[in-house]
């Protein structure tokens, strides 16, 4: 299933699927601060990418982030065996640990777009950063992600931004949020394809 929202800049898509199977230039990893793998999306990306990704993440930690990647920041690495060229790692705020500022969550999406453009990506696929184990409500993540991505100036430098979700409830929340953000007052138009037709 998919929904597409077109405009004068990057097409924004919402799809059900496997983030690790996306044929885009960059996928975004909902990483933990260590950058050394974990559970959920992070674990799936590291497993699919193989040991080269972990080695590169260790180098990034030693060279740039010895204390770990801060919440809301992003850094790109190669992608190992994944079908994309880059993995953009971002650390989302953890609701369960009292990190409840939506600006931190928005920063994850914005910083990831900035980093993707910096490394030359023209297409990017995102998970629902901070949903799931980090405890943020799916509808909140969808609203913040859609608002941030649809209004980001980096969108003009990209051809495709894709949200890749695992379940129908989260997919529906993202479709609604992206449609609302795309039809906002900044003049971005929206069109949708109904995946149920």
N, C-alpha and C. Protein backbone atom coordinates (compact mmCIF):
# COMPACT_ATOMS: atom_id res chain seq x y z
N UNK A 1 0.83 -1.18 0.00
CA UNK A 1 0.00 0.00 0.00
C UNK A 1 0.88 1.24 0.00
N UNK A 2 0.39 2.28 -0.67
CA UNK A 2 1.13 3.52 -0.66
C UNK A 2 0.20 4.70 -0.90
N UNK A 3 0.64 5.83 -0.43
CA UNK A 3 -0.03 7.10 -0.72
C UNK A 3 1.06 8.08 -1.13
N UNK A 4 0.78 8.90 -2.13
CA UNK A 4 1.78 9.83 -2.66
C UNK A 4 1.24 11.24 -2.59
N UNK A 5 2.13 12.16 -2.26
CA UNK A 5 1.78 13.58 -2.17
C UNK A 5 2.81 14.36 -2.96
N UNK A 6 2.39 14.95 -4.07
CA UNK A 6 3.31 15.65 -4.94
C UNK A 6 3.29 17.14 -4.70
N UNK A 7 4.34 17.80 -5.12
CA UNK A 7 4.44 19.25 -4.97
C UNK A 7 5.53 19.75 -5.90
N UNK A 8 5.93 20.98 -5.71
CA UNK A 8 6.97 21.59 -6.52
C UNK A 8 8.35 21.05 -6.16
N UNK A 9 8.44 20.25 -5.12
CA UNK A 9 9.72 19.69 -4.69
C UNK A 9 9.53 18.19 -4.51
N UNK A 10 10.31 17.58 -3.65
CA UNK A 10 10.30 16.12 -3.51
C UNK A 10 8.91 15.55 -3.31
N UNK A 11 8.65 14.45 -3.99
CA UNK A 11 7.45 13.67 -3.77
C UNK A 11 7.55 13.07 -2.37
N UNK A 12 6.47 13.11 -1.61
CA UNK A 12 6.43 12.48 -0.30
C UNK A 12 5.49 11.29 -0.38
N UNK A 13 6.02 10.11 -0.05
CA UNK A 13 5.25 8.87 -0.10
C UNK A 13 5.11 8.30 1.30
N UNK A 14 4.03 7.57 1.50
CA UNK A 14 3.83 6.79 2.72
C UNK A 14 3.54 5.37 2.27
N UNK A 15 4.35 4.41 2.73
CA UNK A 15 4.19 3.02 2.29
C UNK A 15 4.26 2.07 3.48
N UNK A 16 3.62 0.94 3.32
CA UNK A 16 3.81 -0.19 4.22
C UNK A 16 4.97 -0.99 3.66
N UNK A 17 5.92 -1.38 4.48
CA UNK A 17 7.01 -2.16 3.94
C UNK A 17 8.18 -2.32 4.89
N UNK A 18 9.24 -2.84 4.34
CA UNK A 18 10.48 -3.13 5.06
C UNK A 18 11.49 -2.05 4.72
N UNK A 19 11.89 -1.25 5.70
CA UNK A 19 12.83 -0.16 5.47
C UNK A 19 14.14 -0.67 4.88
N UNK A 20 14.59 -1.86 5.30
CA UNK A 20 15.88 -2.38 4.85
C UNK A 20 15.86 -2.83 3.39
N UNK A 21 14.69 -2.91 2.78
CA UNK A 21 14.57 -3.34 1.38
C UNK A 21 14.34 -2.18 0.43
N UNK A 22 14.41 -0.96 0.90
CA UNK A 22 14.10 0.21 0.07
C UNK A 22 15.25 0.53 -0.89
N UNK A 23 14.89 0.70 -2.15
CA UNK A 23 15.86 1.09 -3.18
C UNK A 23 15.82 2.61 -3.34
N UNK A 24 16.43 3.27 -2.37
CA UNK A 24 16.57 4.72 -2.34
C UNK A 24 18.04 5.03 -2.09
N UNK A 25 18.42 6.29 -2.18
CA UNK A 25 19.82 6.64 -1.92
C UNK A 25 20.19 6.48 -0.45
N UNK A 26 19.26 6.84 0.45
CA UNK A 26 19.56 6.79 1.89
C UNK A 26 18.35 6.33 2.67
N UNK A 27 18.59 5.51 3.68
CA UNK A 27 17.54 5.21 4.64
C UNK A 27 17.97 5.83 5.98
N UNK A 28 16.98 6.16 6.78
CA UNK A 28 17.24 6.74 8.09
C UNK A 28 17.09 5.66 9.14
N UNK A 29 18.08 5.58 10.01
CA UNK A 29 18.08 4.62 11.10
C UNK A 29 17.65 5.30 12.39
N UNK A 30 16.64 4.76 13.04
CA UNK A 30 16.24 5.21 14.37
C UNK A 30 17.23 4.57 15.35
N UNK A 31 18.38 5.18 15.46
CA UNK A 31 19.52 4.62 16.20
C UNK A 31 19.45 4.95 17.69
N UNK A 32 20.28 4.27 18.45
CA UNK A 32 20.50 4.71 19.82
C UNK A 32 21.82 5.50 19.83
N UNK A 33 22.10 6.15 20.92
CA UNK A 33 23.25 7.07 20.98
C UNK A 33 24.58 6.38 20.72
N UNK A 34 24.68 5.09 20.99
CA UNK A 34 25.96 4.39 20.81
C UNK A 34 26.31 4.18 19.35
N UNK A 35 25.30 4.18 18.48
CA UNK A 35 25.46 3.87 17.04
C UNK A 35 25.92 2.43 16.80
N UNK A 36 25.83 1.60 17.80
CA UNK A 36 26.39 0.24 17.68
C UNK A 36 25.31 -0.83 17.53
N UNK A 37 24.14 -0.45 17.10
CA UNK A 37 23.07 -1.41 16.91
C UNK A 37 22.23 -1.54 18.16
N UNK A 38 21.06 -2.11 17.99
CA UNK A 38 20.13 -2.27 19.10
C UNK A 38 18.97 -3.12 18.64
N UNK A 39 17.78 -2.77 19.12
CA UNK A 39 16.59 -3.51 18.74
C UNK A 39 15.80 -2.75 17.69
N UNK A 40 14.65 -3.28 17.33
CA UNK A 40 13.74 -2.62 16.42
C UNK A 40 14.37 -2.30 15.07
N UNK A 41 14.09 -1.09 14.58
CA UNK A 41 14.61 -0.64 13.29
C UNK A 41 16.14 -0.70 13.28
N UNK A 42 16.75 -0.22 14.34
CA UNK A 42 18.22 -0.20 14.45
C UNK A 42 18.80 -1.60 14.28
N UNK A 43 18.27 -2.56 14.99
CA UNK A 43 18.75 -3.94 14.89
C UNK A 43 18.54 -4.53 13.51
N UNK A 44 17.38 -4.25 12.91
CA UNK A 44 17.08 -4.78 11.58
C UNK A 44 18.04 -4.20 10.54
N UNK A 45 18.34 -2.91 10.65
CA UNK A 45 19.27 -2.29 9.70
C UNK A 45 20.67 -2.87 9.85
N UNK A 46 21.15 -2.99 11.07
CA UNK A 46 22.48 -3.56 11.29
C UNK A 46 22.55 -5.01 10.82
N UNK A 47 21.50 -5.79 11.06
CA UNK A 47 21.49 -7.19 10.62
C UNK A 47 21.53 -7.28 9.10
N UNK A 48 20.74 -6.46 8.43
CA UNK A 48 20.69 -6.51 6.97
C UNK A 48 21.95 -5.95 6.32
N UNK A 49 22.56 -4.96 6.95
CA UNK A 49 23.75 -4.31 6.37
C UNK A 49 25.00 -5.15 6.55
N UNK A 50 25.05 -5.96 7.58
CA UNK A 50 26.23 -6.77 7.84
C UNK A 50 27.29 -6.02 8.64
N UNK A 51 28.44 -6.66 8.87
CA UNK A 51 29.45 -6.11 9.78
C UNK A 51 30.11 -4.81 9.30
N UNK A 52 30.07 -4.50 8.02
CA UNK A 52 30.69 -3.27 7.54
C UNK A 52 30.04 -2.04 8.16
N UNK A 53 28.73 -2.08 8.38
CA UNK A 53 28.04 -0.94 8.98
C UNK A 53 28.49 -0.74 10.42
N UNK A 54 28.59 -1.79 11.17
CA UNK A 54 29.04 -1.67 12.56
C UNK A 54 30.47 -1.13 12.62
N UNK A 55 31.34 -1.60 11.74
CA UNK A 55 32.71 -1.09 11.71
C UNK A 55 32.74 0.41 11.41
N UNK A 56 31.92 0.84 10.46
CA UNK A 56 31.90 2.26 10.12
C UNK A 56 31.32 3.09 11.27
N UNK A 57 30.30 2.56 11.92
CA UNK A 57 29.72 3.27 13.08
C UNK A 57 30.74 3.39 14.21
N UNK A 58 31.55 2.38 14.41
CA UNK A 58 32.61 2.46 15.44
C UNK A 58 33.62 3.55 15.09
N UNK A 59 33.95 3.67 13.81
CA UNK A 59 34.88 4.73 13.40
C UNK A 59 34.28 6.12 13.63
N UNK A 60 33.00 6.26 13.31
CA UNK A 60 32.31 7.55 13.53
C UNK A 60 32.30 7.88 15.02
N UNK A 61 32.03 6.89 15.85
CA UNK A 61 32.03 7.12 17.30
C UNK A 61 33.39 7.60 17.78
N UNK A 62 34.45 6.92 17.35
CA UNK A 62 35.80 7.30 17.78
C UNK A 62 36.17 8.70 17.30
N UNK A 63 35.86 9.01 16.05
CA UNK A 63 36.32 10.26 15.45
C UNK A 63 35.45 11.47 15.80
N UNK A 64 34.14 11.29 15.86
CA UNK A 64 33.26 12.47 15.97
C UNK A 64 32.36 12.48 17.20
N UNK A 65 31.97 11.32 17.68
CA UNK A 65 30.99 11.26 18.78
C UNK A 65 31.41 10.27 19.85
N UNK A 66 32.54 10.52 20.53
CA UNK A 66 33.01 9.57 21.55
C UNK A 66 32.02 9.39 22.70
N UNK A 67 31.17 10.38 22.95
CA UNK A 67 30.17 10.28 24.02
C UNK A 67 28.81 9.85 23.49
N UNK A 68 28.73 9.52 22.22
CA UNK A 68 27.47 9.11 21.61
C UNK A 68 26.83 10.23 20.82
N UNK A 69 26.00 9.85 19.87
CA UNK A 69 25.29 10.82 19.03
C UNK A 69 24.17 11.44 19.86
N UNK A 70 24.12 12.77 19.98
CA UNK A 70 23.07 13.41 20.78
C UNK A 70 21.68 13.27 20.14
N UNK A 71 20.67 13.34 20.97
CA UNK A 71 19.28 13.33 20.52
C UNK A 71 19.07 14.48 19.53
N UNK A 72 18.41 14.17 18.42
CA UNK A 72 18.07 15.18 17.43
C UNK A 72 19.14 15.46 16.40
N UNK A 73 20.29 14.84 16.51
CA UNK A 73 21.37 15.02 15.53
C UNK A 73 21.35 13.85 14.56
N UNK A 74 22.10 13.97 13.47
CA UNK A 74 22.16 12.91 12.47
C UNK A 74 23.56 12.84 11.87
N UNK A 75 23.95 11.62 11.50
CA UNK A 75 25.24 11.40 10.86
C UNK A 75 25.07 10.27 9.84
N UNK A 76 25.74 10.40 8.70
CA UNK A 76 25.62 9.41 7.63
C UNK A 76 26.83 8.48 7.61
N UNK A 77 26.56 7.24 7.25
CA UNK A 77 27.61 6.25 7.01
C UNK A 77 27.28 5.55 5.69
N UNK A 78 28.18 4.66 5.27
CA UNK A 78 27.87 3.77 4.17
C UNK A 78 26.76 2.82 4.59
N UNK A 79 26.36 1.95 3.69
CA UNK A 79 25.20 1.11 3.95
C UNK A 79 25.49 -0.39 3.96
N UNK A 80 26.74 -0.77 3.86
CA UNK A 80 27.05 -2.20 3.88
C UNK A 80 26.32 -2.93 2.76
N UNK A 81 25.62 -4.01 3.10
CA UNK A 81 24.92 -4.84 2.10
C UNK A 81 23.51 -4.37 1.78
N UNK A 82 23.08 -3.26 2.33
CA UNK A 82 21.74 -2.75 2.04
C UNK A 82 21.65 -2.27 0.59
N UNK A 83 20.46 -2.20 0.01
CA UNK A 83 20.33 -1.74 -1.37
C UNK A 83 20.48 -0.22 -1.54
N UNK A 84 20.54 0.52 -0.45
CA UNK A 84 20.76 1.97 -0.52
C UNK A 84 22.26 2.26 -0.47
N UNK A 85 22.63 3.52 -0.66
CA UNK A 85 24.05 3.91 -0.60
C UNK A 85 24.47 4.39 0.78
N UNK A 86 23.53 4.99 1.52
CA UNK A 86 23.85 5.57 2.82
C UNK A 86 22.82 5.18 3.87
N UNK A 87 23.30 5.16 5.11
CA UNK A 87 22.40 5.08 6.27
C UNK A 87 22.62 6.37 7.05
N UNK A 88 21.54 7.10 7.27
CA UNK A 88 21.60 8.31 8.09
C UNK A 88 21.08 7.93 9.47
N UNK A 89 21.95 7.99 10.45
CA UNK A 89 21.59 7.59 11.82
C UNK A 89 21.12 8.82 12.58
N UNK A 90 19.99 8.70 13.26
CA UNK A 90 19.50 9.77 14.13
C UNK A 90 18.99 9.17 15.42
N UNK A 91 19.15 9.90 16.50
CA UNK A 91 18.70 9.43 17.81
C UNK A 91 17.47 10.22 18.21
N UNK A 92 16.36 9.52 18.29
CA UNK A 92 15.11 10.17 18.68
C UNK A 92 14.99 10.31 20.18
N UNK A 93 14.15 11.24 20.62
CA UNK A 93 13.89 11.38 22.05
C UNK A 93 13.11 10.17 22.57
N UNK A 94 13.41 9.78 23.79
CA UNK A 94 12.78 8.62 24.41
C UNK A 94 11.72 9.10 25.41
N UNK A 95 10.46 8.98 25.04
CA UNK A 95 9.34 9.39 25.89
C UNK A 95 9.42 8.72 27.26
N UNK A 96 9.80 7.44 27.25
CA UNK A 96 9.85 6.67 28.49
C UNK A 96 10.92 7.17 29.47
N UNK A 97 11.86 7.95 28.96
CA UNK A 97 12.91 8.52 29.82
C UNK A 97 12.68 10.02 30.05
N UNK A 98 11.48 10.48 29.76
CA UNK A 98 11.13 11.87 30.01
C UNK A 98 11.53 12.84 28.92
N UNK A 99 12.00 12.34 27.77
CA UNK A 99 12.38 13.20 26.64
C UNK A 99 11.13 13.44 25.79
N UNK A 100 10.39 14.50 26.12
CA UNK A 100 9.05 14.68 25.55
C UNK A 100 8.89 15.98 24.78
N UNK A 101 9.97 16.58 24.35
CA UNK A 101 9.94 17.83 23.61
C UNK A 101 9.81 17.53 22.11
N UNK A 102 8.72 17.97 21.51
CA UNK A 102 8.50 17.72 20.08
C UNK A 102 9.56 18.36 19.20
N UNK A 103 10.20 19.42 19.67
CA UNK A 103 11.26 20.03 18.84
C UNK A 103 12.45 19.09 18.69
N UNK A 104 12.72 18.25 19.71
CA UNK A 104 13.78 17.25 19.58
C UNK A 104 13.42 16.21 18.52
N UNK A 105 12.15 15.82 18.51
CA UNK A 105 11.69 14.85 17.51
C UNK A 105 11.76 15.46 16.11
N UNK A 106 11.30 16.69 15.97
CA UNK A 106 11.37 17.37 14.67
C UNK A 106 12.81 17.49 14.20
N UNK A 107 13.71 17.75 15.13
CA UNK A 107 15.12 17.88 14.79
C UNK A 107 15.68 16.61 14.17
N UNK A 108 15.20 15.46 14.60
CA UNK A 108 15.66 14.19 14.01
C UNK A 108 15.36 14.15 12.52
N UNK A 109 14.16 14.54 12.16
CA UNK A 109 13.76 14.51 10.75
C UNK A 109 14.50 15.57 9.95
N UNK A 110 14.58 16.75 10.48
CA UNK A 110 15.24 17.85 9.76
C UNK A 110 16.74 17.58 9.61
N UNK A 111 17.40 17.16 10.70
CA UNK A 111 18.83 16.87 10.64
C UNK A 111 19.12 15.72 9.68
N UNK A 112 18.23 14.75 9.63
CA UNK A 112 18.41 13.61 8.70
C UNK A 112 18.32 14.07 7.25
N UNK A 113 17.36 14.94 6.95
CA UNK A 113 17.27 15.48 5.60
C UNK A 113 18.51 16.28 5.23
N UNK A 114 18.98 17.11 6.16
CA UNK A 114 20.18 17.91 5.93
C UNK A 114 21.38 17.02 5.65
N UNK A 115 21.53 15.98 6.45
CA UNK A 115 22.66 15.06 6.28
C UNK A 115 22.55 14.29 4.97
N UNK A 116 21.35 13.87 4.61
CA UNK A 116 21.16 13.15 3.35
C UNK A 116 21.54 14.03 2.16
N UNK A 117 21.10 15.27 2.18
CA UNK A 117 21.45 16.20 1.10
C UNK A 117 22.96 16.43 1.08
N UNK A 118 23.56 16.55 2.25
CA UNK A 118 25.01 16.80 2.35
C UNK A 118 25.82 15.71 1.65
N UNK A 119 25.38 14.45 1.78
CA UNK A 119 26.14 13.34 1.17
C UNK A 119 25.73 13.07 -0.27
N UNK A 120 24.78 13.85 -0.80
CA UNK A 120 24.40 13.71 -2.20
C UNK A 120 23.20 12.84 -2.47
N UNK A 121 22.46 12.46 -1.47
CA UNK A 121 21.26 11.64 -1.68
C UNK A 121 20.18 12.47 -2.36
N UNK A 122 19.42 11.82 -3.22
CA UNK A 122 18.27 12.47 -3.87
C UNK A 122 16.96 11.81 -3.42
N UNK A 123 17.06 10.67 -2.76
CA UNK A 123 15.87 9.99 -2.25
C UNK A 123 16.19 9.43 -0.86
N UNK A 124 15.20 9.55 0.05
CA UNK A 124 15.40 9.19 1.45
C UNK A 124 14.17 8.44 1.96
N UNK A 125 14.40 7.38 2.73
CA UNK A 125 13.30 6.65 3.37
C UNK A 125 13.45 6.71 4.88
N UNK A 126 12.36 7.05 5.55
CA UNK A 126 12.32 7.21 7.00
C UNK A 126 11.47 6.14 7.67
N UNK A 127 11.86 5.71 8.87
CA UNK A 127 10.93 4.98 9.73
C UNK A 127 10.16 5.99 10.58
N UNK A 128 9.36 5.50 11.50
CA UNK A 128 8.67 6.36 12.47
C UNK A 128 9.60 6.51 13.67
N UNK A 129 10.51 7.46 13.59
CA UNK A 129 11.52 7.67 14.64
C UNK A 129 10.82 7.97 15.97
N UNK A 130 11.20 7.26 17.00
CA UNK A 130 10.73 7.39 18.38
C UNK A 130 9.39 6.73 18.67
N UNK A 131 8.70 6.20 17.65
CA UNK A 131 7.52 5.39 17.91
C UNK A 131 8.01 4.01 18.36
N UNK A 132 7.18 3.22 18.91
CA UNK A 132 7.60 1.89 19.33
C UNK A 132 8.28 1.91 20.68
N UNK A 133 9.47 1.34 20.77
CA UNK A 133 10.16 1.16 22.05
C UNK A 133 10.43 2.48 22.77
N UNK A 134 10.56 3.58 22.04
CA UNK A 134 10.82 4.87 22.69
C UNK A 134 9.55 5.53 23.21
N UNK A 135 8.40 4.91 22.96
CA UNK A 135 7.18 5.27 23.65
C UNK A 135 6.36 6.44 23.14
N UNK A 136 6.77 7.09 22.05
CA UNK A 136 5.98 8.20 21.53
C UNK A 136 4.75 7.64 20.82
N UNK A 137 3.62 8.32 20.96
CA UNK A 137 2.38 7.91 20.28
C UNK A 137 2.58 8.03 18.77
N UNK A 138 2.09 7.04 18.04
CA UNK A 138 2.24 7.05 16.59
C UNK A 138 1.66 8.28 15.94
N UNK A 139 0.50 8.74 16.39
CA UNK A 139 -0.13 9.92 15.79
C UNK A 139 0.71 11.17 16.01
N UNK A 140 1.37 11.27 17.15
CA UNK A 140 2.23 12.42 17.42
C UNK A 140 3.47 12.38 16.53
N UNK A 141 4.09 11.22 16.44
CA UNK A 141 5.26 11.06 15.57
C UNK A 141 4.89 11.39 14.13
N UNK A 142 3.74 10.89 13.67
CA UNK A 142 3.31 11.15 12.30
C UNK A 142 3.11 12.65 12.07
N UNK A 143 2.46 13.32 12.99
CA UNK A 143 2.19 14.76 12.84
C UNK A 143 3.49 15.56 12.79
N UNK A 144 4.40 15.28 13.74
CA UNK A 144 5.67 16.02 13.79
C UNK A 144 6.51 15.72 12.56
N UNK A 145 6.60 14.45 12.19
CA UNK A 145 7.41 14.06 11.02
C UNK A 145 6.87 14.69 9.75
N UNK A 146 5.57 14.60 9.54
CA UNK A 146 4.97 15.14 8.31
C UNK A 146 5.14 16.65 8.24
N UNK A 147 4.86 17.33 9.32
CA UNK A 147 4.99 18.80 9.34
C UNK A 147 6.44 19.20 9.04
N UNK A 148 7.38 18.52 9.67
CA UNK A 148 8.79 18.86 9.50
C UNK A 148 9.26 18.60 8.07
N UNK A 149 8.96 17.43 7.56
CA UNK A 149 9.43 17.03 6.23
C UNK A 149 8.76 17.85 5.13
N UNK A 150 7.46 18.05 5.24
CA UNK A 150 6.74 18.76 4.17
C UNK A 150 7.12 20.23 4.08
N UNK A 151 7.66 20.79 5.16
CA UNK A 151 8.03 22.20 5.16
C UNK A 151 9.55 22.43 5.16
N UNK A 152 10.32 21.36 5.12
CA UNK A 152 11.78 21.49 5.17
C UNK A 152 12.32 22.08 3.87
N UNK A 153 13.21 23.06 3.96
CA UNK A 153 13.80 23.61 2.74
C UNK A 153 14.61 22.57 1.96
N UNK A 154 15.13 21.55 2.65
CA UNK A 154 15.90 20.49 1.99
C UNK A 154 15.05 19.71 0.99
N UNK A 155 13.74 19.79 1.13
CA UNK A 155 12.84 19.07 0.22
C UNK A 155 13.09 19.49 -1.23
N UNK A 156 13.49 20.73 -1.44
CA UNK A 156 13.76 21.23 -2.80
C UNK A 156 14.97 20.54 -3.44
N UNK A 157 15.85 19.97 -2.61
CA UNK A 157 17.06 19.31 -3.11
C UNK A 157 16.89 17.81 -3.29
N UNK A 158 15.70 17.32 -3.02
CA UNK A 158 15.43 15.89 -3.08
C UNK A 158 14.35 15.60 -4.11
N UNK A 159 14.33 14.35 -4.59
CA UNK A 159 13.28 13.92 -5.52
C UNK A 159 12.20 13.11 -4.81
N UNK A 160 12.58 12.39 -3.76
CA UNK A 160 11.64 11.50 -3.08
C UNK A 160 11.95 11.44 -1.59
N UNK A 161 10.92 11.57 -0.79
CA UNK A 161 10.99 11.31 0.65
C UNK A 161 9.90 10.29 0.94
N UNK A 162 10.28 9.17 1.50
CA UNK A 162 9.35 8.06 1.72
C UNK A 162 9.31 7.72 3.21
N UNK A 163 8.11 7.62 3.76
CA UNK A 163 7.93 7.08 5.11
C UNK A 163 7.57 5.61 4.96
N UNK A 164 8.34 4.74 5.59
CA UNK A 164 8.14 3.29 5.47
C UNK A 164 7.69 2.77 6.84
N UNK A 165 6.45 2.28 6.88
CA UNK A 165 5.85 1.84 8.14
C UNK A 165 5.56 0.36 8.13
N UNK A 166 5.55 -0.24 9.31
CA UNK A 166 5.35 -1.69 9.41
C UNK A 166 3.90 -2.11 9.59
N UNK A 167 3.07 -1.29 10.20
CA UNK A 167 1.70 -1.73 10.48
C UNK A 167 0.66 -0.76 9.96
N UNK A 168 -0.53 -1.28 9.74
CA UNK A 168 -1.64 -0.49 9.21
C UNK A 168 -2.00 0.72 10.08
N UNK A 169 -2.06 0.60 11.41
CA UNK A 169 -2.42 1.79 12.19
C UNK A 169 -1.42 2.95 12.00
N UNK A 170 -0.14 2.65 12.05
CA UNK A 170 0.87 3.69 11.86
C UNK A 170 0.85 4.23 10.43
N UNK A 171 0.66 3.34 9.48
CA UNK A 171 0.54 3.76 8.08
C UNK A 171 -0.61 4.76 7.93
N UNK A 172 -1.76 4.45 8.48
CA UNK A 172 -2.93 5.34 8.37
C UNK A 172 -2.68 6.68 9.05
N UNK A 173 -2.01 6.65 10.19
CA UNK A 173 -1.69 7.90 10.89
C UNK A 173 -0.75 8.77 10.05
N UNK A 174 0.22 8.16 9.40
CA UNK A 174 1.14 8.92 8.55
C UNK A 174 0.45 9.44 7.29
N UNK A 175 -0.42 8.65 6.68
CA UNK A 175 -1.15 9.12 5.51
C UNK A 175 -1.95 10.37 5.87
N UNK A 176 -2.67 10.32 6.97
CA UNK A 176 -3.46 11.47 7.42
C UNK A 176 -2.57 12.67 7.70
N UNK A 177 -1.48 12.46 8.42
CA UNK A 177 -0.59 13.57 8.79
C UNK A 177 0.09 14.19 7.58
N UNK A 178 0.56 13.37 6.65
CA UNK A 178 1.22 13.91 5.45
C UNK A 178 0.21 14.66 4.58
N UNK A 179 -0.99 14.13 4.47
CA UNK A 179 -2.02 14.82 3.69
C UNK A 179 -2.31 16.20 4.29
N UNK A 180 -2.48 16.27 5.60
CA UNK A 180 -2.75 17.55 6.27
C UNK A 180 -1.56 18.51 6.12
N UNK A 181 -0.34 18.01 6.32
CA UNK A 181 0.83 18.88 6.22
C UNK A 181 1.04 19.37 4.79
N UNK A 182 0.77 18.51 3.81
CA UNK A 182 0.96 18.87 2.41
C UNK A 182 -0.06 19.89 1.94
N UNK A 183 -1.22 19.90 2.54
CA UNK A 183 -2.28 20.81 2.14
C UNK A 183 -2.28 22.08 2.98
N UNK A 184 -1.19 22.32 3.69
CA UNK A 184 -1.11 23.44 4.62
C UNK A 184 -1.07 24.79 3.96
N UNK A 185 -1.00 25.84 4.77
CA UNK A 185 -1.09 27.22 4.29
C UNK A 185 0.10 27.71 3.47
N UNK A 186 1.15 26.93 3.36
CA UNK A 186 2.32 27.40 2.61
C UNK A 186 2.16 27.18 1.11
N UNK A 187 1.00 26.68 0.69
CA UNK A 187 0.71 26.57 -0.73
C UNK A 187 1.13 25.26 -1.36
N UNK A 188 1.63 24.32 -0.59
CA UNK A 188 2.01 23.03 -1.15
C UNK A 188 0.73 22.24 -1.42
N UNK A 189 0.55 21.81 -2.63
CA UNK A 189 -0.63 21.04 -2.98
C UNK A 189 -0.44 19.58 -2.66
N UNK A 190 -1.53 18.85 -2.58
CA UNK A 190 -1.46 17.43 -2.27
C UNK A 190 -2.37 16.65 -3.19
N UNK A 191 -1.89 15.51 -3.61
CA UNK A 191 -2.74 14.54 -4.30
C UNK A 191 -2.47 13.21 -3.65
N UNK A 192 -3.45 12.36 -3.62
CA UNK A 192 -3.26 11.08 -2.95
C UNK A 192 -3.76 9.96 -3.85
N UNK A 193 -3.11 8.82 -3.79
CA UNK A 193 -3.61 7.63 -4.43
C UNK A 193 -4.15 6.74 -3.33
N UNK A 194 -5.37 6.30 -3.50
CA UNK A 194 -5.98 5.46 -2.49
C UNK A 194 -5.48 4.04 -2.67
N UNK A 195 -4.74 3.52 -1.67
CA UNK A 195 -4.16 2.18 -1.81
C UNK A 195 -5.21 1.08 -1.79
N UNK A 196 -6.45 1.41 -1.41
CA UNK A 196 -7.50 0.38 -1.31
C UNK A 196 -8.31 0.25 -2.60
N UNK A 197 -8.06 1.10 -3.59
CA UNK A 197 -8.81 1.03 -4.85
C UNK A 197 -8.29 -0.05 -5.74
